[in-house]
Amino acid sequence: MALAGCATNAQNKYADSSSRNLRDNYLSRTQSDPLGAYLNDESIIADSSHDSATRSPPTKALASTALRFLGIRYRYGGIAPKSGFDCSGLVAYAAEKSLGLKLPHRAAEMAHEGKSVPRDSLKKGDLVFFNTRGRRYSHVGIYLGDHKFVHAPRKGQVVRVESMDEAYWKKRYNGARRLAANDSPEKLAKEAHSQR
């Protein structure tokens, strides 16, 4: 069976039993209350001690919006919570709702939006890209901090949080881009074109 679009390889294997146990524990905790499980995971929430007068950067809003859809089923070509999401559908929907940006509905095209970010400078809300189908930028997710990202993985799965330190994702990482709410689609396209 061949999957198309943003799907990950069905042969996604975990490096060792401890990572498998971590994943199984996470999945069992998140099936009944995915958002609650995420919010209770202190390793993911890096800074909850800011006062209400401090406004979150726009990219944090992108991550927070995407997290509202934990547990939504994967659907190839999916662009809305009611019908389900594929990886780029989740990112595009969250970007439009949180930043007012209309992004393309293909991970490879999204890889030209915003500004390039080195892996050691990732911030919550950055787009992270992976090679899951033998070509660059075939999968996209949203970085959450602490080496974790939210994404719509593949058929039969749901929107979930995973670690970029897992051997599968670490080996397939392609890069990251940072979007901003004040980036119009025209401005983003112009910047991306000048970087080619």
N, C-alpha and C. Protein backbone atom coordinates (compact mmCIF):
# COMPACT_ATOMS: atom_id res chain seq x y z
N MET A 1 0.84 -1.18 0.00
CA MET A 1 0.00 0.00 0.00
C MET A 1 0.89 1.24 0.00
N ALA A 2 0.63 2.17 -0.88
CA ALA A 2 1.40 3.41 -0.95
C ALA A 2 0.54 4.55 -0.45
N LEU A 3 1.11 5.39 0.39
CA LEU A 3 0.42 6.57 0.88
C LEU A 3 0.96 7.78 0.16
N ALA A 4 0.12 8.76 -0.04
CA ALA A 4 0.55 9.97 -0.73
C ALA A 4 0.44 11.15 0.20
N GLY A 5 1.00 12.28 -0.22
CA GLY A 5 0.87 13.52 0.54
C GLY A 5 1.86 13.57 1.68
N CYS A 6 1.39 14.00 2.84
CA CYS A 6 2.25 14.24 3.98
C CYS A 6 2.42 13.01 4.85
N ALA A 7 1.95 11.89 4.43
CA ALA A 7 1.98 10.69 5.27
C ALA A 7 3.41 10.29 5.57
N THR A 8 3.59 9.68 6.74
CA THR A 8 4.89 9.17 7.11
C THR A 8 4.99 7.72 6.70
N ASN A 9 6.17 7.23 6.61
CA ASN A 9 6.43 5.86 6.20
C ASN A 9 5.83 4.89 7.20
N ALA A 10 5.13 3.88 6.71
CA ALA A 10 4.48 2.91 7.59
C ALA A 10 5.51 2.11 8.38
N GLN A 11 6.76 2.16 7.99
CA GLN A 11 7.79 1.39 8.67
C GLN A 11 8.47 2.20 9.76
N ASN A 12 7.76 3.19 10.31
CA ASN A 12 8.30 4.01 11.39
C ASN A 12 8.57 3.12 12.60
N LYS A 13 9.84 2.88 12.88
CA LYS A 13 10.22 2.02 14.00
C LYS A 13 10.89 2.87 15.07
N TYR A 14 10.69 2.52 16.28
CA TYR A 14 11.28 3.26 17.39
C TYR A 14 12.62 2.64 17.76
N ALA A 15 13.55 3.48 18.12
CA ALA A 15 14.93 3.06 18.31
C ALA A 15 15.09 2.03 19.42
N ASP A 16 14.40 2.17 20.52
CA ASP A 16 14.57 1.22 21.60
C ASP A 16 13.29 1.07 22.40
N SER A 17 13.29 0.15 23.33
CA SER A 17 12.06 -0.13 24.08
C SER A 17 11.65 1.03 24.96
N SER A 18 12.59 1.83 25.46
CA SER A 18 12.21 2.96 26.31
C SER A 18 11.42 3.99 25.52
N SER A 19 11.82 4.26 24.28
CA SER A 19 11.04 5.21 23.48
C SER A 19 9.69 4.62 23.10
N ARG A 20 9.64 3.30 22.88
CA ARG A 20 8.36 2.65 22.58
C ARG A 20 7.42 2.76 23.78
N ASN A 21 7.97 2.54 24.99
CA ASN A 21 7.15 2.65 26.20
C ASN A 21 6.67 4.08 26.39
N LEU A 22 7.53 5.05 26.14
CA LEU A 22 7.14 6.45 26.25
C LEU A 22 6.01 6.77 25.29
N ARG A 23 6.14 6.31 24.05
CA ARG A 23 5.10 6.54 23.05
C ARG A 23 3.80 5.87 23.45
N ASP A 24 3.86 4.60 23.86
CA ASP A 24 2.65 3.88 24.25
C ASP A 24 1.97 4.55 25.44
N ASN A 25 2.76 4.99 26.41
CA ASN A 25 2.21 5.68 27.57
C ASN A 25 1.53 6.97 27.14
N TYR A 26 2.22 7.73 26.26
CA TYR A 26 1.64 8.98 25.78
C TYR A 26 0.33 8.72 25.03
N LEU A 27 0.34 7.74 24.14
CA LEU A 27 -0.86 7.44 23.36
C LEU A 27 -2.00 7.00 24.26
N SER A 28 -1.73 6.16 25.26
CA SER A 28 -2.82 5.70 26.13
C SER A 28 -3.38 6.85 26.96
N ARG A 29 -2.52 7.79 27.37
CA ARG A 29 -3.01 8.93 28.15
C ARG A 29 -3.77 9.92 27.28
N THR A 30 -3.43 10.00 26.00
CA THR A 30 -4.01 11.05 25.17
C THR A 30 -5.27 10.65 24.44
N GLN A 31 -5.58 9.37 24.36
CA GLN A 31 -6.75 8.96 23.59
C GLN A 31 -8.04 9.50 24.19
N SER A 32 -8.17 9.50 25.53
CA SER A 32 -9.41 9.97 26.14
C SER A 32 -9.41 11.48 26.35
N ASP A 33 -8.26 12.07 26.58
CA ASP A 33 -8.19 13.52 26.81
C ASP A 33 -6.87 14.06 26.28
N PRO A 34 -6.74 14.19 24.95
CA PRO A 34 -5.44 14.58 24.39
C PRO A 34 -4.97 15.96 24.84
N LEU A 35 -5.85 16.92 24.91
CA LEU A 35 -5.42 18.26 25.30
C LEU A 35 -5.04 18.29 26.77
N GLY A 36 -5.83 17.63 27.60
CA GLY A 36 -5.52 17.57 29.02
C GLY A 36 -4.17 16.92 29.27
N ALA A 37 -3.89 15.84 28.55
CA ALA A 37 -2.60 15.16 28.70
C ALA A 37 -1.46 16.09 28.31
N TYR A 38 -1.64 16.83 27.24
CA TYR A 38 -0.60 17.75 26.80
C TYR A 38 -0.39 18.85 27.83
N LEU A 39 -1.48 19.43 28.31
CA LEU A 39 -1.37 20.54 29.25
C LEU A 39 -0.76 20.09 30.58
N ASN A 40 -0.94 18.83 30.94
CA ASN A 40 -0.35 18.31 32.17
C ASN A 40 1.10 17.88 32.01
N ASP A 41 1.59 17.85 30.81
CA ASP A 41 2.97 17.43 30.56
C ASP A 41 3.90 18.63 30.75
N GLU A 42 4.49 18.72 31.93
CA GLU A 42 5.32 19.87 32.27
C GLU A 42 6.58 19.96 31.42
N SER A 43 7.01 18.85 30.83
CA SER A 43 8.21 18.90 30.00
C SER A 43 7.96 19.65 28.70
N ILE A 44 6.70 19.78 28.30
CA ILE A 44 6.38 20.48 27.06
C ILE A 44 6.15 21.96 27.32
N ILE A 45 5.45 22.28 28.40
CA ILE A 45 5.12 23.67 28.69
C ILE A 45 6.31 24.30 29.39
N ALA A 46 7.06 25.08 28.63
CA ALA A 46 8.31 25.62 29.13
C ALA A 46 8.12 26.87 29.98
N ASP A 47 7.16 27.71 29.64
CA ASP A 47 7.05 28.98 30.34
C ASP A 47 5.59 29.32 30.58
N SER A 48 5.07 28.92 31.73
CA SER A 48 3.69 29.25 32.04
C SER A 48 3.62 30.31 33.11
N SER A 49 4.77 30.90 33.47
CA SER A 49 4.79 31.85 34.58
C SER A 49 4.85 33.30 34.13
N HIS A 50 4.36 33.61 32.93
CA HIS A 50 4.37 35.00 32.50
C HIS A 50 3.06 35.66 32.91
N ASP A 51 3.11 36.97 33.18
CA ASP A 51 1.89 37.63 33.63
C ASP A 51 0.97 37.92 32.46
N SER A 52 -0.29 38.23 32.76
CA SER A 52 -1.29 38.42 31.71
C SER A 52 -1.02 39.66 30.87
N ALA A 53 -0.20 40.57 31.36
CA ALA A 53 0.11 41.77 30.58
C ALA A 53 1.10 41.45 29.45
N THR A 54 1.83 40.36 29.59
CA THR A 54 2.78 39.96 28.56
C THR A 54 2.04 39.24 27.45
N ARG A 55 2.20 39.73 26.23
CA ARG A 55 1.52 39.12 25.09
C ARG A 55 2.42 38.08 24.44
N SER A 56 1.85 36.93 24.10
CA SER A 56 2.62 35.87 23.45
C SER A 56 3.02 36.28 22.05
N PRO A 57 4.21 35.91 21.62
CA PRO A 57 4.58 36.15 20.23
C PRO A 57 3.62 35.40 19.31
N PRO A 58 3.43 35.89 18.09
CA PRO A 58 2.48 35.26 17.18
C PRO A 58 2.74 33.78 16.94
N THR A 59 4.00 33.38 16.89
CA THR A 59 4.27 31.97 16.61
C THR A 59 3.78 31.07 17.74
N LYS A 60 3.76 31.55 18.97
CA LYS A 60 3.21 30.75 20.07
C LYS A 60 1.72 30.54 19.86
N ALA A 61 1.04 31.54 19.31
CA ALA A 61 -0.39 31.40 19.02
C ALA A 61 -0.61 30.31 17.99
N LEU A 62 0.29 30.18 17.03
CA LEU A 62 0.19 29.13 16.02
C LEU A 62 0.25 27.75 16.69
N ALA A 63 1.20 27.56 17.58
CA ALA A 63 1.33 26.29 18.29
C ALA A 63 0.11 26.02 19.16
N SER A 64 -0.34 27.01 19.89
CA SER A 64 -1.51 26.84 20.76
C SER A 64 -2.75 26.48 19.96
N THR A 65 -2.92 27.11 18.81
CA THR A 65 -4.07 26.81 17.96
C THR A 65 -4.00 25.37 17.47
N ALA A 66 -2.85 24.93 17.02
CA ALA A 66 -2.70 23.55 16.53
C ALA A 66 -3.00 22.54 17.63
N LEU A 67 -2.63 22.86 18.86
CA LEU A 67 -2.87 21.93 19.97
C LEU A 67 -4.35 21.72 20.27
N ARG A 68 -5.18 22.64 19.85
CA ARG A 68 -6.63 22.47 20.04
C ARG A 68 -7.15 21.28 19.24
N PHE A 69 -6.37 20.80 18.29
CA PHE A 69 -6.84 19.73 17.40
C PHE A 69 -6.21 18.37 17.69
N LEU A 70 -5.56 18.24 18.85
CA LEU A 70 -5.04 16.93 19.25
C LEU A 70 -6.18 15.92 19.24
N GLY A 71 -5.92 14.77 18.67
CA GLY A 71 -6.94 13.72 18.64
C GLY A 71 -7.81 13.73 17.39
N ILE A 72 -7.73 14.78 16.57
CA ILE A 72 -8.49 14.82 15.31
C ILE A 72 -7.84 13.83 14.34
N ARG A 73 -8.66 13.07 13.64
CA ARG A 73 -8.12 12.01 12.78
C ARG A 73 -7.39 12.57 11.56
N TYR A 74 -6.44 11.77 11.08
CA TYR A 74 -5.73 12.08 9.85
C TYR A 74 -6.64 11.78 8.66
N ARG A 75 -6.62 12.68 7.70
CA ARG A 75 -7.33 12.45 6.45
C ARG A 75 -6.53 13.10 5.34
N TYR A 76 -6.11 12.31 4.36
CA TYR A 76 -5.34 12.84 3.24
C TYR A 76 -6.15 13.93 2.55
N GLY A 77 -5.54 15.09 2.37
CA GLY A 77 -6.21 16.23 1.76
C GLY A 77 -7.09 17.00 2.73
N GLY A 78 -7.15 16.56 3.99
CA GLY A 78 -8.02 17.18 4.99
C GLY A 78 -7.56 18.57 5.38
N ILE A 79 -8.53 19.49 5.46
CA ILE A 79 -8.19 20.88 5.75
C ILE A 79 -9.01 21.49 6.87
N ALA A 80 -9.80 20.69 7.58
CA ALA A 80 -10.65 21.23 8.64
C ALA A 80 -10.86 20.18 9.73
N PRO A 81 -11.11 20.64 10.97
CA PRO A 81 -11.26 19.69 12.07
C PRO A 81 -12.42 18.71 11.89
N LYS A 82 -13.48 19.17 11.28
CA LYS A 82 -14.66 18.31 11.12
C LYS A 82 -14.38 17.10 10.22
N SER A 83 -13.62 17.32 9.16
CA SER A 83 -13.33 16.23 8.21
C SER A 83 -12.01 15.53 8.50
N GLY A 84 -11.13 16.17 9.25
CA GLY A 84 -9.81 15.63 9.53
C GLY A 84 -8.73 16.43 8.82
N PHE A 85 -7.48 16.20 9.20
CA PHE A 85 -6.35 16.95 8.66
C PHE A 85 -5.28 16.01 8.12
N ASP A 86 -4.59 16.47 7.06
CA ASP A 86 -3.29 15.90 6.77
C ASP A 86 -2.28 16.89 7.35
N CYS A 87 -0.99 16.61 7.22
CA CYS A 87 -0.01 17.45 7.92
C CYS A 87 -0.07 18.91 7.49
N SER A 88 -0.11 19.15 6.19
CA SER A 88 -0.13 20.54 5.72
C SER A 88 -1.48 21.19 5.95
N GLY A 89 -2.54 20.41 5.94
CA GLY A 89 -3.87 20.94 6.24
C GLY A 89 -3.95 21.46 7.66
N LEU A 90 -3.38 20.73 8.61
CA LEU A 90 -3.35 21.17 10.01
C LEU A 90 -2.58 22.48 10.14
N VAL A 91 -1.40 22.54 9.54
CA VAL A 91 -0.57 23.74 9.64
C VAL A 91 -1.25 24.93 8.97
N ALA A 92 -1.80 24.73 7.78
CA ALA A 92 -2.46 25.83 7.06
C ALA A 92 -3.67 26.34 7.84
N TYR A 93 -4.46 25.42 8.40
CA TYR A 93 -5.65 25.81 9.15
C TYR A 93 -5.25 26.60 10.40
N ALA A 94 -4.26 26.11 11.14
CA ALA A 94 -3.81 26.80 12.35
C ALA A 94 -3.21 28.16 12.03
N ALA A 95 -2.47 28.27 10.92
CA ALA A 95 -1.87 29.55 10.53
C ALA A 95 -2.93 30.57 10.16
N GLU A 96 -3.96 30.11 9.46
CA GLU A 96 -5.03 31.04 9.09
C GLU A 96 -5.80 31.51 10.32
N LYS A 97 -6.10 30.60 11.23
CA LYS A 97 -6.88 30.96 12.43
C LYS A 97 -6.08 31.81 13.40
N SER A 98 -4.79 31.54 13.56
CA SER A 98 -4.01 32.25 14.58
C SER A 98 -3.25 33.47 14.05
N LEU A 99 -2.79 33.41 12.81
CA LEU A 99 -1.96 34.48 12.25
C LEU A 99 -2.63 35.23 11.11
N GLY A 100 -3.75 34.71 10.62
CA GLY A 100 -4.41 35.33 9.48
C GLY A 100 -3.67 35.09 8.17
N LEU A 101 -2.81 34.07 8.13
CA LEU A 101 -2.04 33.76 6.92
C LEU A 101 -2.68 32.63 6.14
N LYS A 102 -2.72 32.78 4.84
CA LYS A 102 -3.17 31.70 3.96
C LYS A 102 -1.92 31.04 3.39
N LEU A 103 -1.66 29.84 3.85
CA LEU A 103 -0.50 29.09 3.38
C LEU A 103 -0.91 28.09 2.32
N PRO A 104 0.03 27.68 1.47
CA PRO A 104 -0.27 26.64 0.49
C PRO A 104 -0.58 25.32 1.21
N HIS A 105 -1.30 24.45 0.53
CA HIS A 105 -1.66 23.17 1.15
C HIS A 105 -0.72 22.05 0.67
N ARG A 106 0.55 22.32 0.69
CA ARG A 106 1.58 21.31 0.41
C ARG A 106 2.79 21.63 1.26
N ALA A 107 3.30 20.62 1.95
CA ALA A 107 4.46 20.83 2.82
C ALA A 107 5.64 21.42 2.05
N ALA A 108 5.90 20.92 0.85
CA ALA A 108 7.04 21.40 0.05
C ALA A 108 6.91 22.88 -0.28
N GLU A 109 5.70 23.35 -0.52
CA GLU A 109 5.48 24.77 -0.81
C GLU A 109 5.59 25.60 0.46
N MET A 110 5.13 25.06 1.59
CA MET A 110 5.25 25.77 2.86
C MET A 110 6.71 25.99 3.23
N ALA A 111 7.58 25.11 2.77
CA ALA A 111 9.00 25.20 3.10
C ALA A 111 9.66 26.44 2.52
N HIS A 112 8.94 27.18 1.67
CA HIS A 112 9.46 28.42 1.09
C HIS A 112 8.87 29.65 1.78
N GLU A 113 8.00 29.45 2.76
CA GLU A 113 7.34 30.56 3.45
C GLU A 113 8.17 31.00 4.65
N GLY A 114 8.03 32.27 5.05
CA GLY A 114 8.71 32.77 6.23
C GLY A 114 10.22 32.79 6.09
N LYS A 115 10.90 32.69 7.23
CA LYS A 115 12.36 32.76 7.26
C LYS A 115 12.94 31.45 7.78
N SER A 116 14.07 31.06 7.22
CA SER A 116 14.76 29.85 7.66
C SER A 116 15.27 30.01 9.09
N VAL A 117 15.19 28.92 9.86
CA VAL A 117 15.61 28.93 11.26
C VAL A 117 16.54 27.74 11.50
N PRO A 118 17.73 27.97 12.07
CA PRO A 118 18.60 26.83 12.40
C PRO A 118 17.96 25.97 13.49
N ARG A 119 18.25 24.69 13.48
CA ARG A 119 17.64 23.76 14.45
C ARG A 119 17.91 24.19 15.89
N ASP A 120 19.09 24.71 16.17
CA ASP A 120 19.41 25.09 17.55
C ASP A 120 18.77 26.42 17.96
N SER A 121 18.02 27.05 17.07
CA SER A 121 17.33 28.30 17.38
C SER A 121 15.81 28.18 17.29
N LEU A 122 15.30 26.97 17.25
CA LEU A 122 13.85 26.77 17.12
C LEU A 122 13.10 27.38 18.29
N LYS A 123 11.94 27.96 17.96
CA LYS A 123 11.04 28.52 18.97
C LYS A 123 9.65 27.94 18.76
N LYS A 124 8.88 27.96 19.82
CA LYS A 124 7.51 27.47 19.76
C LYS A 124 6.77 28.16 18.62
N GLY A 125 6.16 27.37 17.76
CA GLY A 125 5.41 27.90 16.63
C GLY A 125 6.14 27.85 15.30
N ASP A 126 7.42 27.52 15.31
CA ASP A 126 8.14 27.38 14.04
C ASP A 126 7.63 26.14 13.29
N LEU A 127 7.66 26.21 11.98
CA LEU A 127 7.29 25.05 11.16
C LEU A 127 8.52 24.16 11.03
N VAL A 128 8.35 22.86 11.26
CA VAL A 128 9.45 21.91 11.12
C VAL A 128 9.12 20.94 9.99
N PHE A 129 10.13 20.64 9.17
CA PHE A 129 9.93 19.84 7.96
C PHE A 129 10.77 18.57 8.00
N PHE A 130 10.21 17.53 7.37
CA PHE A 130 10.84 16.22 7.38
C PHE A 130 10.72 15.57 6.00
N ASN A 131 11.66 14.67 5.72
CA ASN A 131 11.64 13.87 4.50
C ASN A 131 11.08 12.50 4.89
N THR A 132 9.80 12.29 4.65
CA THR A 132 9.16 11.02 5.03
C THR A 132 8.80 10.16 3.82
N ARG A 133 9.00 10.69 2.63
CA ARG A 133 8.60 9.96 1.43
C ARG A 133 9.70 9.91 0.38
N GLY A 134 10.94 10.04 0.82
CA GLY A 134 12.05 10.00 -0.12
C GLY A 134 12.28 11.30 -0.85
N ARG A 135 11.65 12.36 -0.38
CA ARG A 135 11.90 13.69 -0.97
C ARG A 135 11.81 14.74 0.14
N ARG A 136 12.59 15.78 -0.03
CA ARG A 136 12.66 16.84 0.99
C ARG A 136 11.30 17.50 1.18
N TYR A 137 11.06 17.92 2.40
CA TYR A 137 9.87 18.69 2.77
C TYR A 137 8.56 17.96 2.43
N SER A 138 8.52 16.67 2.66
CA SER A 138 7.28 15.92 2.38
C SER A 138 6.37 15.84 3.59
N HIS A 139 6.82 16.34 4.74
CA HIS A 139 5.99 16.34 5.95
C HIS A 139 6.29 17.60 6.75
N VAL A 140 5.25 18.16 7.40
CA VAL A 140 5.41 19.38 8.18
C VAL A 140 4.66 19.26 9.50
N GLY A 141 5.21 19.90 10.52
CA GLY A 141 4.58 19.98 11.83
C GLY A 141 4.89 21.34 12.44
N ILE A 142 4.42 21.55 13.66
CA ILE A 142 4.63 22.83 14.35
C ILE A 142 5.41 22.55 15.63
N TYR A 143 6.54 23.23 15.78
CA TYR A 143 7.42 23.03 16.93
C TYR A 143 6.77 23.57 18.20
N LEU A 144 6.93 22.82 19.31
CA LEU A 144 6.31 23.19 20.59
C LEU A 144 7.32 23.55 21.67
N GLY A 145 8.58 23.34 21.42
CA GLY A 145 9.59 23.52 22.46
C GLY A 145 9.99 22.16 23.00
N ASP A 146 11.12 22.11 23.69
CA ASP A 146 11.61 20.88 24.30
C ASP A 146 11.71 19.73 23.30
N HIS A 147 12.06 20.03 22.07
CA HIS A 147 12.26 19.03 21.00
C HIS A 147 10.98 18.29 20.63
N LYS A 148 9.83 18.89 20.88
CA LYS A 148 8.55 18.25 20.55
C LYS A 148 7.84 19.05 19.47
N PHE A 149 7.00 18.35 18.69
CA PHE A 149 6.21 19.02 17.66
C PHE A 149 4.84 18.36 17.56
N VAL A 150 3.88 19.12 17.06
CA VAL A 150 2.52 18.61 16.84
C VAL A 150 2.34 18.45 15.34
N HIS A 151 1.67 17.36 14.95
CA HIS A 151 1.47 17.11 13.52
C HIS A 151 0.36 16.10 13.31
N ALA A 152 -0.06 15.97 12.06
CA ALA A 152 -1.01 14.94 11.64
C ALA A 152 -0.18 13.89 10.91
N PRO A 153 0.10 12.74 11.54
CA PRO A 153 1.11 11.82 11.01
C PRO A 153 0.76 11.04 9.75
N ARG A 154 -0.28 10.24 9.76
CA ARG A 154 -0.58 9.39 8.61
C ARG A 154 -1.94 8.74 8.78
N LYS A 155 -2.39 8.07 7.73
CA LYS A 155 -3.67 7.38 7.73
C LYS A 155 -3.76 6.44 8.93
N GLY A 156 -4.91 6.45 9.58
CA GLY A 156 -5.12 5.59 10.74
C GLY A 156 -4.65 6.20 12.05
N GLN A 157 -4.07 7.40 12.00
CA GLN A 157 -3.55 8.07 13.19
C GLN A 157 -4.34 9.34 13.45
N VAL A 158 -4.00 10.03 14.52
CA VAL A 158 -4.64 11.29 14.89
C VAL A 158 -3.58 12.36 15.09
N VAL A 159 -4.00 13.62 15.09
CA VAL A 159 -3.10 14.73 15.39
C VAL A 159 -2.51 14.46 16.78
N ARG A 160 -1.18 14.55 16.88
CA ARG A 160 -0.53 14.23 18.14
C ARG A 160 0.80 14.95 18.28
N VAL A 161 1.37 14.85 19.47
CA VAL A 161 2.67 15.44 19.78
C VAL A 161 3.70 14.31 19.77
N GLU A 162 4.86 14.59 19.15
CA GLU A 162 5.95 13.61 19.13
C GLU A 162 7.27 14.33 19.39
N SER A 163 8.27 13.56 19.71
CA SER A 163 9.60 14.09 19.96
C SER A 163 10.44 14.07 18.69
N MET A 164 11.10 15.19 18.43
CA MET A 164 12.02 15.25 17.29
C MET A 164 13.30 14.47 17.59
N ASP A 165 13.48 14.03 18.83
CA ASP A 165 14.64 13.24 19.20
C ASP A 165 14.46 11.75 18.89
N GLU A 166 13.22 11.35 18.57
CA GLU A 166 13.00 9.96 18.14
C GLU A 166 13.89 9.72 16.91
N ALA A 167 14.48 8.56 16.83
CA ALA A 167 15.40 8.25 15.72
C ALA A 167 14.75 8.50 14.36
N TYR A 168 13.48 8.11 14.21
CA TYR A 168 12.79 8.28 12.93
C TYR A 168 12.77 9.74 12.50
N TRP A 169 12.37 10.64 13.40
CA TRP A 169 12.24 12.06 13.05
C TRP A 169 13.61 12.73 12.96
N LYS A 170 14.51 12.36 13.84
CA LYS A 170 15.85 12.96 13.84
C LYS A 170 16.54 12.73 12.50
N LYS A 171 16.42 11.52 11.99
CA LYS A 171 17.07 11.14 10.72
C LYS A 171 16.43 11.86 9.52
N ARG A 172 15.17 12.22 9.62
CA ARG A 172 14.43 12.78 8.49
C ARG A 172 14.23 14.29 8.54
N TYR A 173 14.77 14.94 9.56
CA TYR A 173 14.60 16.39 9.70
C TYR A 173 15.22 17.12 8.51
N ASN A 174 14.46 18.09 7.93
CA ASN A 174 14.92 18.86 6.76
C ASN A 174 15.16 20.33 7.03
N GLY A 175 14.61 20.87 8.10
CA GLY A 175 14.77 22.29 8.37
C GLY A 175 13.53 22.88 8.98
N ALA A 176 13.59 24.20 9.20
CA ALA A 176 12.47 24.89 9.85
C ALA A 176 12.30 26.28 9.27
N ARG A 177 11.09 26.80 9.39
CA ARG A 177 10.76 28.16 8.92
C ARG A 177 9.97 28.85 10.03
N ARG A 178 10.15 30.16 10.13
CA ARG A 178 9.42 30.96 11.11
C ARG A 178 8.50 31.93 10.39
N LEU A 179 7.23 31.89 10.75
CA LEU A 179 6.22 32.79 10.20
C LEU A 179 5.95 33.91 11.19
N ALA A 180 5.34 34.99 10.73
CA ALA A 180 4.92 36.07 11.61
C ALA A 180 3.56 36.56 11.17
N ALA A 181 2.77 37.02 12.14
CA ALA A 181 1.40 37.47 11.84
C ALA A 181 1.39 38.64 10.88
N ASN A 182 2.42 39.48 10.91
CA ASN A 182 2.43 40.64 10.02
C ASN A 182 3.01 40.32 8.65
N ASP A 183 3.30 39.06 8.41
CA ASP A 183 3.78 38.63 7.09
C ASP A 183 2.58 38.39 6.19
N SER A 184 2.40 39.25 5.22
CA SER A 184 1.33 39.02 4.25
C SER A 184 1.77 37.91 3.31
N PRO A 185 0.84 37.22 2.66
CA PRO A 185 1.24 36.19 1.70
C PRO A 185 2.16 36.74 0.62
N GLU A 186 1.92 37.99 0.20
CA GLU A 186 2.76 38.60 -0.83
C GLU A 186 4.18 38.82 -0.31
N LYS A 187 4.29 39.31 0.93
CA LYS A 187 5.60 39.55 1.53
C LYS A 187 6.36 38.24 1.69
N LEU A 188 5.68 37.21 2.16
CA LEU A 188 6.31 35.90 2.33
C LEU A 188 6.81 35.36 1.00
N ALA A 189 5.99 35.48 -0.04
CA ALA A 189 6.37 34.97 -1.36
C ALA A 189 7.59 35.72 -1.89
N LYS A 190 7.61 37.03 -1.71
CA LYS A 190 8.73 37.84 -2.19
C LYS A 190 10.02 37.45 -1.46
N GLU A 191 9.97 37.29 -0.12
CA GLU A 191 11.15 36.90 0.65
C GLU A 191 11.63 35.51 0.25
N ALA A 192 10.70 34.59 0.07
CA ALA A 192 11.07 33.22 -0.31
C ALA A 192 11.73 33.21 -1.68
N HIS A 193 11.20 34.00 -2.61
CA HIS A 193 11.76 34.05 -3.96
C HIS A 193 13.18 34.62 -3.94
N SER A 194 13.43 35.63 -3.09
CA SER A 194 14.76 36.24 -3.03
C SER A 194 15.79 35.31 -2.39
N GLN A 195 15.34 34.28 -1.61
CA GLN A 195 16.27 33.35 -0.97
C GLN A 195 16.62 32.17 -1.85
N ARG A 196 15.95 32.00 -2.97
CA ARG A 196 16.20 30.84 -3.85
C ARG A 196 17.45 30.99 -4.65
